[in-house]
Amino acid sequence: MRDDPAALDNLKTLVLKTTLRILNFRFRSPSLSDENAGQGLQVLNCVRILTRVLPYVYEADATRSWEEEVFWRPQALETFQQYDKNASQNVDPQENLGAQLVDVLLELLFYTGFTLPWPDMDPQEQRSGQVSYGLWQSGIACDTTVLTSKEYETRRTEIMQLILVLQSKSIYLGANEYITHEVQAIQCIVRHHDKRRVQALLCSLLNTIIKYHPESWLPFDPRNPQGDSWREVHVKTCLHLLLINFLNRAPWDDSGKERNEFRLQFSYLHKPKHFQFLADGIFKILRQPVRVLQL
């Protein structure tokens, strides 16, 4: 494929058309819920395609350079209109395409009827999907029980896996490039302008991880890295996304201070019940492996 110009052009077309398709569904579809299962499934299929194809793009210098140019630098609207006739309604030419994709993926993680339950309302009322700041689990910043389902969690998992792919581009770089390379997909989250969205993501990830306490929990099993169940895969994906953004070496801003909204929002925790929640959860997570070692 790398030696065939036609195959490379087809790969680039697939990546761009799939990306624009996700943006089109997000802004043009009234809902991605079970009632509109066809549209929701198409969004997930687009997410799955990018999750599997982008690593091949990052592996080769030529395609990685193309991805850097098209996704992370502003392009003329005509560049995208040849792949999607509705691009003028869905793409902001003033902002790079990669940042818009990450932003839409964050919105899909908190989209009612798709990854979050519907709010209480008249069942006869017509529902329209919208982005909500509701959390995935109770715990920090949420004291009420949150309803969830296998469908919601598996959709979140697949969306987070694509975000992880976008944020993992540095593993395909040489050591000399890695030191200076800035993974912009990470910066789109840790320096996001909407602090409420960062807070909702951080608290959702923390609550989901801390509240998961199966008897067989192990932080990592090299024989089965994907986990044994959809719930375990969901929690491990949450853990990976949390660590990548929480531990990222954010660039220094103009004031000379390192800015990482994930760490900053975490530093705002001050209520004793929140610290107790974290301490109890971490203790339960660590207790089972210690018991196994003692046997």
C-alpha atoms as a PDB file:
ATOM      1  CA  MET A   1       0.000   0.000   0.000  1.00  0.00           C
ATOM      2  CA  ARG A   2       2.792   2.436   0.881  1.00  0.00           C
ATOM      3  CA  ASP A   3       4.365   1.954  -2.564  1.00  0.00           C
ATOM      4  CA  ASP A   4       1.106   2.362  -4.491  1.00  0.00           C
ATOM      5  CA  PRO A   5       0.094   6.036  -5.022  1.00  0.00           C
ATOM      6  CA  ALA A   6      -3.509   5.069  -5.745  1.00  0.00           C
ATOM      7  CA  ALA A   7      -3.757   3.085  -2.520  1.00  0.00           C
ATOM      8  CA  LEU A   8      -2.315   6.001  -0.538  1.00  0.00           C
ATOM      9  CA  ASP A   9      -4.857   8.368  -2.068  1.00  0.00           C
ATOM     10  CA  ASN A  10      -7.641   5.937  -1.173  1.00  0.00           C
ATOM     11  CA  LEU A  11      -6.371   5.766   2.413  1.00  0.00           C
ATOM     12  CA  LYS A  12      -6.327   9.550   2.730  1.00  0.00           C
ATOM     13  CA  THR A  13      -9.809   9.767   1.217  1.00  0.00           C
ATOM     14  CA  LEU A  14     -11.113   7.163   3.657  1.00  0.00           C
ATOM     15  CA  VAL A  15      -9.688   9.028   6.666  1.00  0.00           C
ATOM     16  CA  LEU A  16     -11.027  12.415   5.589  1.00  0.00           C
ATOM     17  CA  LYS A  17     -14.484  11.232   4.509  1.00  0.00           C
ATOM     18  CA  THR A  18     -14.887   9.258   7.753  1.00  0.00           C
ATOM     19  CA  THR A  19     -13.842  12.238   9.878  1.00  0.00           C
ATOM     20  CA  LEU A  20     -16.193  14.593   8.067  1.00  0.00           C
ATOM     21  CA  ARG A  21     -18.958  12.012   8.372  1.00  0.00           C
ATOM     22  CA  ILE A  22     -18.651  12.075  12.173  1.00  0.00           C
ATOM     23  CA  LEU A  23     -18.888  15.872  12.181  1.00  0.00           C
ATOM     24  CA  ASN A  24     -21.870  15.719   9.818  1.00  0.00           C
ATOM     25  CA  PHE A  25     -23.815  13.307  12.050  1.00  0.00           C
ATOM     26  CA  ARG A  26     -23.026  15.312  15.175  1.00  0.00           C
ATOM     27  CA  PHE A  27     -24.367  18.588  13.798  1.00  0.00           C
ATOM     28  CA  ARG A  28     -27.055  17.381  11.379  1.00  0.00           C
ATOM     29  CA  SER A  29     -28.706  14.520  13.246  1.00  0.00           C
ATOM     30  CA  PRO A  30     -31.506  15.322  15.732  1.00  0.00           C
ATOM     31  CA  SER A  31     -30.507  12.343  17.868  1.00  0.00           C
ATOM     32  CA  LEU A  32     -28.161   9.356  17.969  1.00  0.00           C
ATOM     33  CA  SER A  33     -30.313   7.382  20.402  1.00  0.00           C
ATOM     34  CA  ASP A  34     -31.793   3.910  20.074  1.00  0.00           C
ATOM     35  CA  GLU A  35     -34.782   5.471  18.301  1.00  0.00           C
ATOM     36  CA  ASN A  36     -32.322   6.594  15.603  1.00  0.00           C
ATOM     37  CA  ALA A  37     -30.199   3.465  15.825  1.00  0.00           C
ATOM     38  CA  GLY A  38     -29.119   3.651  12.200  1.00  0.00           C
ATOM     39  CA  GLN A  39     -27.446   7.020  12.599  1.00  0.00           C
ATOM     40  CA  GLY A  40     -25.886   6.096  15.939  1.00  0.00           C
ATOM     41  CA  LEU A  41     -24.494   2.897  14.416  1.00  0.00           C
ATOM     42  CA  GLN A  42     -23.009   4.808  11.495  1.00  0.00           C
ATOM     43  CA  VAL A  43     -21.226   7.163  13.898  1.00  0.00           C
ATOM     44  CA  LEU A  44     -19.792   4.189  15.787  1.00  0.00           C
ATOM     45  CA  ASN A  45     -18.700   2.567  12.515  1.00  0.00           C
ATOM     46  CA  CYS A  46     -16.863   5.764  11.561  1.00  0.00           C
ATOM     47  CA  VAL A  47     -15.201   5.797  14.988  1.00  0.00           C
ATOM     48  CA  ARG A  48     -14.152   2.148  14.552  1.00  0.00           C
ATOM     49  CA  ILE A  49     -12.672   2.826  11.109  1.00  0.00           C
ATOM     50  CA  LEU A  50     -10.519   5.704  12.349  1.00  0.00           C
ATOM     51  CA  THR A  51      -9.430   3.727  15.416  1.00  0.00           C
ATOM     52  CA  ARG A  52      -8.088   0.952  13.204  1.00  0.00           C
ATOM     53  CA  VAL A  53      -6.748   3.007  10.295  1.00  0.00           C
ATOM     54  CA  LEU A  54      -4.978   5.944  11.987  1.00  0.00           C
ATOM     55  CA  PRO A  55      -2.149   3.804  13.461  1.00  0.00           C
ATOM     56  CA  TYR A  56      -1.183   2.854   9.892  1.00  0.00           C
ATOM     57  CA  VAL A  57      -1.168   6.552   9.001  1.00  0.00           C
ATOM     58  CA  TYR A  58       1.175   7.326  11.905  1.00  0.00           C
ATOM     59  CA  GLU A  59       3.624   4.511  11.063  1.00  0.00           C
ATOM     60  CA  ALA A  60       4.883   6.018   7.778  1.00  0.00           C
ATOM     61  CA  ASP A  61       6.642   9.385   7.624  1.00  0.00           C
ATOM     62  CA  ALA A  62       4.804  10.480   4.475  1.00  0.00           C
ATOM     63  CA  THR A  63       1.286   9.778   5.752  1.00  0.00           C
ATOM     64  CA  ARG A  64       2.104  11.134   9.221  1.00  0.00           C
ATOM     65  CA  SER A  65       3.284  14.394   7.638  1.00  0.00           C
ATOM     66  CA  TRP A  66       0.077  14.502   5.597  1.00  0.00           C
ATOM     67  CA  GLU A  67      -2.000  13.976   8.762  1.00  0.00           C
ATOM     68  CA  GLU A  68      -0.106  16.767  10.546  1.00  0.00           C
ATOM     69  CA  GLU A  69      -0.760  19.134   7.655  1.00  0.00           C
ATOM     70  CA  VAL A  70      -4.437  18.357   6.995  1.00  0.00           C
ATOM     71  CA  PHE A  71      -5.630  17.714  10.565  1.00  0.00           C
ATOM     72  CA  TRP A  72      -3.575  20.129  12.638  1.00  0.00           C
ATOM     73  CA  ARG A  73      -3.220  23.192  10.422  1.00  0.00           C
ATOM     74  CA  PRO A  74      -6.139  25.346   9.192  1.00  0.00           C
ATOM     75  CA  GLN A  75      -7.215  24.456   5.675  1.00  0.00           C
ATOM     76  CA  ALA A  76      -9.305  26.200   3.068  1.00  0.00           C
ATOM     77  CA  LEU A  77     -12.910  25.046   3.099  1.00  0.00           C
ATOM     78  CA  GLU A  78     -12.571  23.832  -0.472  1.00  0.00           C
ATOM     79  CA  THR A  79     -10.142  21.164   0.754  1.00  0.00           C
ATOM     80  CA  PHE A  80     -12.976  19.442   2.612  1.00  0.00           C
ATOM     81  CA  GLN A  81     -15.837  20.208   0.239  1.00  0.00           C
ATOM     82  CA  GLN A  82     -14.454  17.768  -2.310  1.00  0.00           C
ATOM     83  CA  TYR A  83     -14.998  15.012   0.300  1.00  0.00           C
ATOM     84  CA  ASP A  84     -18.255  16.270   1.835  1.00  0.00           C
ATOM     85  CA  LYS A  85     -20.686  18.651   0.138  1.00  0.00           C
ATOM     86  CA  ASN A  86     -21.975  19.767   3.566  1.00  0.00           C
ATOM     87  CA  ALA A  87     -18.511  20.655   4.845  1.00  0.00           C
ATOM     88  CA  SER A  88     -19.321  24.372   4.902  1.00  0.00           C
ATOM     89  CA  GLN A  89     -22.062  23.690   7.485  1.00  0.00           C
ATOM     90  CA  ASN A  90     -20.025  21.361   9.699  1.00  0.00           C
ATOM     91  CA  VAL A  91     -16.400  22.498   9.494  1.00  0.00           C
ATOM     92  CA  ASP A  92     -14.965  25.732  10.877  1.00  0.00           C
ATOM     93  CA  PRO A  93     -12.183  26.835   8.488  1.00  0.00           C
ATOM     94  CA  GLN A  94     -10.693  29.019  11.231  1.00  0.00           C
ATOM     95  CA  GLU A  95      -9.903  25.959  13.380  1.00  0.00           C
ATOM     96  CA  ASN A  96      -7.920  22.869  12.440  1.00  0.00           C
ATOM     97  CA  LEU A  97      -9.830  19.680  11.670  1.00  0.00           C
ATOM     98  CA  GLY A  98      -8.115  17.588  14.353  1.00  0.00           C
ATOM     99  CA  ALA A  99      -9.194  19.917  17.152  1.00  0.00           C
ATOM    100  CA  GLN A 100     -12.758  19.868  15.823  1.00  0.00           C
ATOM    101  CA  LEU A 101     -12.737  16.068  15.750  1.00  0.00           C
ATOM    102  CA  VAL A 102     -11.489  15.825  19.360  1.00  0.00           C
ATOM    103  CA  ASP A 103     -14.098  18.362  20.453  1.00  0.00           C
ATOM    104  CA  VAL A 104     -16.902  16.402  18.791  1.00  0.00           C
ATOM    105  CA  LEU A 105     -15.667  13.144  20.359  1.00  0.00           C
ATOM    106  CA  LEU A 106     -15.761  14.815  23.786  1.00  0.00           C
ATOM    107  CA  GLU A 107     -19.322  15.919  23.076  1.00  0.00           C
ATOM    108  CA  LEU A 108     -20.316  12.403  22.036  1.00  0.00           C
ATOM    109  CA  LEU A 109     -19.055  11.105  25.401  1.00  0.00           C
ATOM    110  CA  PHE A 110     -21.761  13.235  27.057  1.00  0.00           C
ATOM    111  CA  TYR A 111     -24.571  12.952  24.517  1.00  0.00           C
ATOM    112  CA  THR A 112     -28.035  12.180  25.878  1.00  0.00           C
ATOM    113  CA  GLY A 113     -29.648   9.070  24.475  1.00  0.00           C
ATOM    114  CA  PHE A 114     -26.305   7.877  23.105  1.00  0.00           C
ATOM    115  CA  THR A 115     -23.771   7.756  25.939  1.00  0.00           C
ATOM    116  CA  LEU A 116     -25.902   9.268  28.715  1.00  0.00           C
ATOM    117  CA  PRO A 117     -29.476   8.431  29.760  1.00  0.00           C
ATOM    118  CA  TRP A 118     -32.292  10.757  28.827  1.00  0.00           C
ATOM    119  CA  PRO A 119     -33.235  13.311  31.496  1.00  0.00           C
ATOM    120  CA  ASP A 120     -36.569  12.888  33.252  1.00  0.00           C
ATOM    121  CA  MET A 121     -39.278  14.055  30.887  1.00  0.00           C
ATOM    122  CA  ASP A 122     -42.640  13.162  29.431  1.00  0.00           C
ATOM    123  CA  PRO A 123     -42.151   9.919  27.444  1.00  0.00           C
ATOM    124  CA  GLN A 124     -44.543  11.252  24.807  1.00  0.00           C
ATOM    125  CA  GLU A 125     -42.412  14.339  24.252  1.00  0.00           C
ATOM    126  CA  GLN A 126     -40.156  14.260  21.209  1.00  0.00           C
ATOM    127  CA  ARG A 127     -36.573  13.757  22.304  1.00  0.00           C
ATOM    128  CA  SER A 128     -33.646  15.545  20.769  1.00  0.00           C
ATOM    129  CA  GLY A 129     -30.105  14.499  21.656  1.00  0.00           C
ATOM    130  CA  GLN A 130     -27.917  17.149  23.220  1.00  0.00           C
ATOM    131  CA  VAL A 131     -24.608  17.502  25.022  1.00  0.00           C
ATOM    132  CA  SER A 132     -24.974  17.332  28.793  1.00  0.00           C
ATOM    133  CA  TYR A 133     -22.534  17.808  31.651  1.00  0.00           C
ATOM    134  CA  GLY A 134     -24.034  14.855  33.520  1.00  0.00           C
ATOM    135  CA  LEU A 135     -21.500  12.440  35.009  1.00  0.00           C
ATOM    136  CA  TRP A 136     -21.245   8.733  34.217  1.00  0.00           C
ATOM    137  CA  GLN A 137     -21.116   7.603  37.850  1.00  0.00           C
ATOM    138  CA  SER A 138     -21.908   9.045  41.259  1.00  0.00           C
ATOM    139  CA  GLY A 139     -19.052  10.039  43.538  1.00  0.00           C
ATOM    140  CA  ILE A 140     -17.033  13.218  43.197  1.00  0.00           C
ATOM    141  CA  ALA A 141     -19.250  16.151  42.145  1.00  0.00           C
ATOM    142  CA  CYS A 142     -22.308  13.871  41.973  1.00  0.00           C
ATOM    143  CA  ASP A 143     -24.191  12.461  44.973  1.00  0.00           C
ATOM    144  CA  THR A 144     -27.200  11.016  43.147  1.00  0.00           C
ATOM    145  CA  THR A 145     -27.363   7.576  41.569  1.00  0.00           C
ATOM    146  CA  VAL A 146     -26.664   7.653  37.826  1.00  0.00           C
ATOM    147  CA  LEU A 147     -28.375   5.137  35.569  1.00  0.00           C
ATOM    148  CA  THR A 148     -26.160   3.441  33.024  1.00  0.00           C
ATOM    149  CA  SER A 149     -26.277   0.471  30.679  1.00  0.00           C
ATOM    150  CA  LYS A 150     -24.027  -1.821  28.692  1.00  0.00           C
ATOM    151  CA  GLU A 151     -24.880   0.097  25.511  1.00  0.00           C
ATOM    152  CA  TYR A 152     -23.894   3.475  26.973  1.00  0.00           C
ATOM    153  CA  GLU A 153     -20.629   2.144  28.377  1.00  0.00           C
ATOM    154  CA  THR A 154     -19.560   0.259  25.253  1.00  0.00           C
ATOM    155  CA  ARG A 155     -20.199   3.372  23.139  1.00  0.00           C
ATOM    156  CA  ARG A 156     -18.122   5.480  25.513  1.00  0.00           C
ATOM    157  CA  THR A 157     -15.368   2.868  25.357  1.00  0.00           C
ATOM    158  CA  GLU A 158     -15.173   2.967  21.568  1.00  0.00           C
ATOM    159  CA  ILE A 159     -15.129   6.781  21.496  1.00  0.00           C
ATOM    160  CA  MET A 160     -12.414   6.906  24.176  1.00  0.00           C
ATOM    161  CA  GLN A 161     -10.357   4.357  22.244  1.00  0.00           C
ATOM    162  CA  LEU A 162     -10.319   6.686  19.236  1.00  0.00           C
ATOM    163  CA  ILE A 163      -9.252   9.592  21.468  1.00  0.00           C
ATOM    164  CA  LEU A 164      -6.448   7.386  22.829  1.00  0.00           C
ATOM    165  CA  VAL A 165      -5.307   6.618  19.271  1.00  0.00           C
ATOM    166  CA  LEU A 166      -5.201  10.340  18.468  1.00  0.00           C
ATOM    167  CA  GLN A 167      -3.248  10.997  21.657  1.00  0.00           C
ATOM    168  CA  SER A 168      -0.782   8.140  21.137  1.00  0.00           C
ATOM    169  CA  LYS A 169       0.877   9.383  17.968  1.00  0.00           C
ATOM    170  CA  SER A 170       4.156   9.997  19.800  1.00  0.00           C
ATOM    171  CA  ILE A 171       4.811   6.255  20.174  1.00  0.00           C
ATOM    172  CA  TYR A 172       5.443   6.131  16.413  1.00  0.00           C
ATOM    173  CA  LEU A 173       8.164   8.801  16.609  1.00  0.00           C
ATOM    174  CA  GLY A 174      11.886   8.365  17.069  1.00  0.00           C
ATOM    175  CA  ALA A 175      13.489   9.323  20.366  1.00  0.00           C
ATOM    176  CA  ASN A 176      14.969  12.537  18.928  1.00  0.00           C
ATOM    177  CA  GLU A 177      11.546  13.659  17.628  1.00  0.00           C
ATOM    178  CA  TYR A 178       9.638  12.651  20.761  1.00  0.00           C
ATOM    179  CA  ILE A 179      11.447  15.160  22.984  1.00  0.00           C
ATOM    180  CA  THR A 180      10.219  18.169  21.025  1.00  0.00           C
ATOM    181  CA  HIS A 181       7.025  16.820  19.462  1.00  0.00           C
ATOM    182  CA  GLU A 182       3.764  18.177  20.823  1.00  0.00           C
ATOM    183  CA  VAL A 183       0.789  15.821  20.519  1.00  0.00           C
ATOM    184  CA  GLN A 184      -1.918  18.327  19.762  1.00  0.00           C
ATOM    185  CA  ALA A 185      -4.755  15.890  20.478  1.00  0.00           C
ATOM    186  CA  ILE A 186      -3.626  15.895  24.123  1.00  0.00           C
ATOM    187  CA  GLN A 187      -3.408  19.684  24.209  1.00  0.00           C
ATOM    188  CA  CYS A 188      -6.980  19.879  22.882  1.00  0.00           C
ATOM    189  CA  ILE A 189      -8.147  18.299  26.159  1.00  0.00           C
ATOM    190  CA  VAL A 190      -5.664  19.417  28.829  1.00  0.00           C
ATOM    191  CA  ARG A 191      -5.900  23.019  27.600  1.00  0.00           C
ATOM    192  CA  HIS A 192      -9.574  22.966  26.635  1.00  0.00           C
ATOM    193  CA  HIS A 193     -11.326  26.333  26.803  1.00  0.00           C
ATOM    194  CA  ASP A 194     -14.470  24.852  28.399  1.00  0.00           C
ATOM    195  CA  LYS A 195     -13.447  24.021  31.964  1.00  0.00           C
ATOM    196  CA  ARG A 196     -16.852  22.513  32.747  1.00  0.00           C
ATOM    197  CA  ARG A 197     -16.324  19.876  30.078  1.00  0.00           C
ATOM    198  CA  VAL A 198     -12.859  19.046  31.419  1.00  0.00           C
ATOM    199  CA  GLN A 199     -14.304  18.781  34.927  1.00  0.00           C
ATOM    200  CA  ALA A 200     -17.127  16.513  33.738  1.00  0.00           C
ATOM    201  CA  LEU A 201     -14.651  14.239  31.944  1.00  0.00           C
ATOM    202  CA  LEU A 202     -12.211  14.137  34.878  1.00  0.00           C
ATOM    203  CA  CYS A 203     -14.894  13.363  37.474  1.00  0.00           C
ATOM    204  CA  SER A 204     -16.551  10.781  35.223  1.00  0.00           C
ATOM    205  CA  LEU A 205     -13.258   8.962  34.694  1.00  0.00           C
ATOM    206  CA  LEU A 206     -12.342   9.082  38.391  1.00  0.00           C
ATOM    207  CA  ASN A 207     -15.758   7.921  39.587  1.00  0.00           C
ATOM    208  CA  THR A 208     -15.930   5.092  37.050  1.00  0.00           C
ATOM    209  CA  ILE A 209     -12.471   3.783  37.986  1.00  0.00           C
ATOM    210  CA  ILE A 210     -12.813   4.143  41.753  1.00  0.00           C
ATOM    211  CA  LYS A 211     -16.271   2.531  41.937  1.00  0.00           C
ATOM    212  CA  TYR A 212     -15.235  -0.605  40.035  1.00  0.00           C
ATOM    213  CA  HIS A 213     -14.384  -3.294  42.605  1.00  0.00           C
ATOM    214  CA  PRO A 214     -14.713  -6.864  41.279  1.00  0.00           C
ATOM    215  CA  GLU A 215     -13.066  -9.594  43.292  1.00  0.00           C
ATOM    216  CA  SER A 216     -10.822 -10.499  40.374  1.00  0.00           C
ATOM    217  CA  TRP A 217      -9.613  -6.942  39.643  1.00  0.00           C
ATOM    218  CA  LEU A 218      -5.961  -6.689  38.614  1.00  0.00           C
ATOM    219  CA  PRO A 219      -4.399  -3.474  37.259  1.00  0.00           C
ATOM    220  CA  PHE A 220      -2.870  -5.298  34.279  1.00  0.00           C
ATOM    221  CA  ASP A 221      -2.818  -8.875  33.083  1.00  0.00           C
ATOM    222  CA  PRO A 222      -0.346  -9.349  30.171  1.00  0.00           C
ATOM    223  CA  ARG A 223      -2.120 -12.559  29.190  1.00  0.00           C
ATOM    224  CA  ASN A 224      -5.393 -10.705  28.628  1.00  0.00           C
ATOM    225  CA  PRO A 225      -4.776  -6.941  28.295  1.00  0.00           C
ATOM    226  CA  GLN A 226      -8.265  -6.226  26.997  1.00  0.00           C
ATOM    227  CA  GLY A 227     -10.037  -7.615  30.051  1.00  0.00           C
ATOM    228  CA  ASP A 228     -12.645 -10.279  30.550  1.00  0.00           C
ATOM    229  CA  SER A 229     -15.845  -8.264  30.145  1.00  0.00           C
ATOM    230  CA  TRP A 230     -17.197  -5.108  28.564  1.00  0.00           C
ATOM    231  CA  ARG A 231     -17.273  -3.439  31.996  1.00  0.00           C
ATOM    232  CA  GLU A 232     -13.613  -4.212  32.641  1.00  0.00           C
ATOM    233  CA  VAL A 233     -12.631  -2.960  29.180  1.00  0.00           C
ATOM    234  CA  HIS A 234     -14.605   0.228  29.870  1.00  0.00           C
ATOM    235  CA  VAL A 235     -12.862   0.838  33.196  1.00  0.00           C
ATOM    236  CA  LYS A 236      -9.384   0.119  31.814  1.00  0.00           C
ATOM    237  CA  THR A 237     -10.001   2.494  28.909  1.00  0.00           C
ATOM    238  CA  CYS A 238     -11.077   5.167  31.416  1.00  0.00           C
ATOM    239  CA  LEU A 239      -7.869   4.554  33.373  1.00  0.00           C
ATOM    240  CA  HIS A 240      -5.680   4.891  30.273  1.00  0.00           C
ATOM    241  CA  LEU A 241      -7.394   8.119  29.190  1.00  0.00           C
ATOM    242  CA  LEU A 242      -7.115   9.561  32.702  1.00  0.00           C
ATOM    243  CA  LEU A 243      -3.395   8.792  32.995  1.00  0.00           C
ATOM    244  CA  ILE A 244      -2.446  10.092  29.550  1.00  0.00           C
ATOM    245  CA  ASN A 245      -4.081  13.458  30.177  1.00  0.00           C
ATOM    246  CA  PHE A 246      -3.328  13.694  33.883  1.00  0.00           C
ATOM    247  CA  LEU A 247       0.404  12.916  33.565  1.00  0.00           C
ATOM    248  CA  ASN A 248       1.025  14.743  30.309  1.00  0.00           C
ATOM    249  CA  ARG A 249       3.953  17.146  30.361  1.00  0.00           C
ATOM    250  CA  ALA A 250       1.943  20.192  29.296  1.00  0.00           C
ATOM    251  CA  PRO A 251       3.872  23.031  27.601  1.00  0.00           C
ATOM    252  CA  TRP A 252       4.582  26.185  29.551  1.00  0.00           C
ATOM    253  CA  ASP A 253       2.260  29.123  28.996  1.00  0.00           C
ATOM    254  CA  ASP A 254       3.212  32.799  28.749  1.00  0.00           C
ATOM    255  CA  SER A 255       3.209  33.273  32.520  1.00  0.00           C
ATOM    256  CA  GLY A 256       5.838  30.557  32.931  1.00  0.00           C
ATOM    257  CA  LYS A 257       3.496  28.145  34.687  1.00  0.00           C
ATOM    258  CA  GLU A 258       2.590  24.735  33.367  1.00  0.00           C
ATOM    259  CA  ARG A 259      -1.075  24.540  32.454  1.00  0.00           C
ATOM    260  CA  ASN A 260      -2.884  21.220  32.517  1.00  0.00           C
ATOM    261  CA  GLU A 261      -6.601  21.575  33.226  1.00  0.00           C
ATOM    262  CA  PHE A 262      -6.814  17.934  34.318  1.00  0.00           C
ATOM    263  CA  ARG A 263      -4.286  18.475  37.113  1.00  0.00           C
ATOM    264  CA  LEU A 264      -5.672  21.915  37.879  1.00  0.00           C
ATOM    265  CA  GLN A 265      -9.241  20.672  38.276  1.00  0.00           C
ATOM    266  CA  PHE A 266      -8.031  17.782  40.441  1.00  0.00           C
ATOM    267  CA  SER A 267      -6.196  20.231  42.698  1.00  0.00           C
ATOM    268  CA  TYR A 268      -9.519  21.936  43.448  1.00  0.00           C
ATOM    269  CA  LEU A 269     -10.748  18.905  45.410  1.00  0.00           C
ATOM    270  CA  HIS A 270     -11.067  19.936  49.043  1.00  0.00           C
ATOM    271  CA  LYS A 271     -14.096  18.248  50.607  1.00  0.00           C
ATOM    272  CA  PRO A 272     -13.254  15.508  53.129  1.00  0.00           C
ATOM    273  CA  LYS A 273     -15.883  13.181  51.624  1.00  0.00           C
ATOM    274  CA  HIS A 274     -14.152  13.369  48.237  1.00  0.00           C
ATOM    275  CA  PHE A 275     -10.776  12.418  49.703  1.00  0.00           C
ATOM    276  CA  GLN A 276     -12.453   9.643  51.679  1.00  0.00           C
ATOM    277  CA  PHE A 277     -14.103   8.391  48.495  1.00  0.00           C
ATOM    278  CA  LEU A 278     -10.730   8.266  46.707  1.00  0.00           C
ATOM    279  CA  ALA A 279      -8.932   6.651  49.637  1.00  0.00           C
ATOM    280  CA  ASP A 280     -11.577   3.954  50.114  1.00  0.00           C
ATOM    281  CA  GLY A 281     -11.688   3.189  46.417  1.00  0.00           C
ATOM    282  CA  ILE A 282      -7.910   2.954  45.980  1.00  0.00           C
ATOM    283  CA  PHE A 283      -7.674   0.732  49.062  1.00  0.00           C
ATOM    284  CA  LYS A 284     -10.280  -1.658  47.649  1.00  0.00           C
ATOM    285  CA  ILE A 285      -8.504  -1.756  44.282  1.00  0.00           C
ATOM    286  CA  LEU A 286      -5.146  -2.613  45.886  1.00  0.00           C
ATOM    287  CA  ARG A 287      -6.457  -4.999  48.512  1.00  0.00           C
ATOM    288  CA  GLN A 288      -7.339  -7.892  46.163  1.00  0.00           C
ATOM    289  CA  PRO A 289      -3.902  -8.179  44.471  1.00  0.00           C
ATOM    290  CA  VAL A 290      -2.262  -8.050  47.915  1.00  0.00           C
ATOM    291  CA  ARG A 291      -4.502 -10.877  49.084  1.00  0.00           C
ATOM    292  CA  VAL A 292      -3.560 -12.929  46.040  1.00  0.00           C
ATOM    293  CA  LEU A 293       0.147 -12.444  46.796  1.00  0.00           C
ATOM    294  CA  GLN A 294      -0.344 -13.507  50.390  1.00  0.00           C
ATOM    295  CA  LEU A 295      -1.967 -16.816  49.446  1.00  0.00           C
END
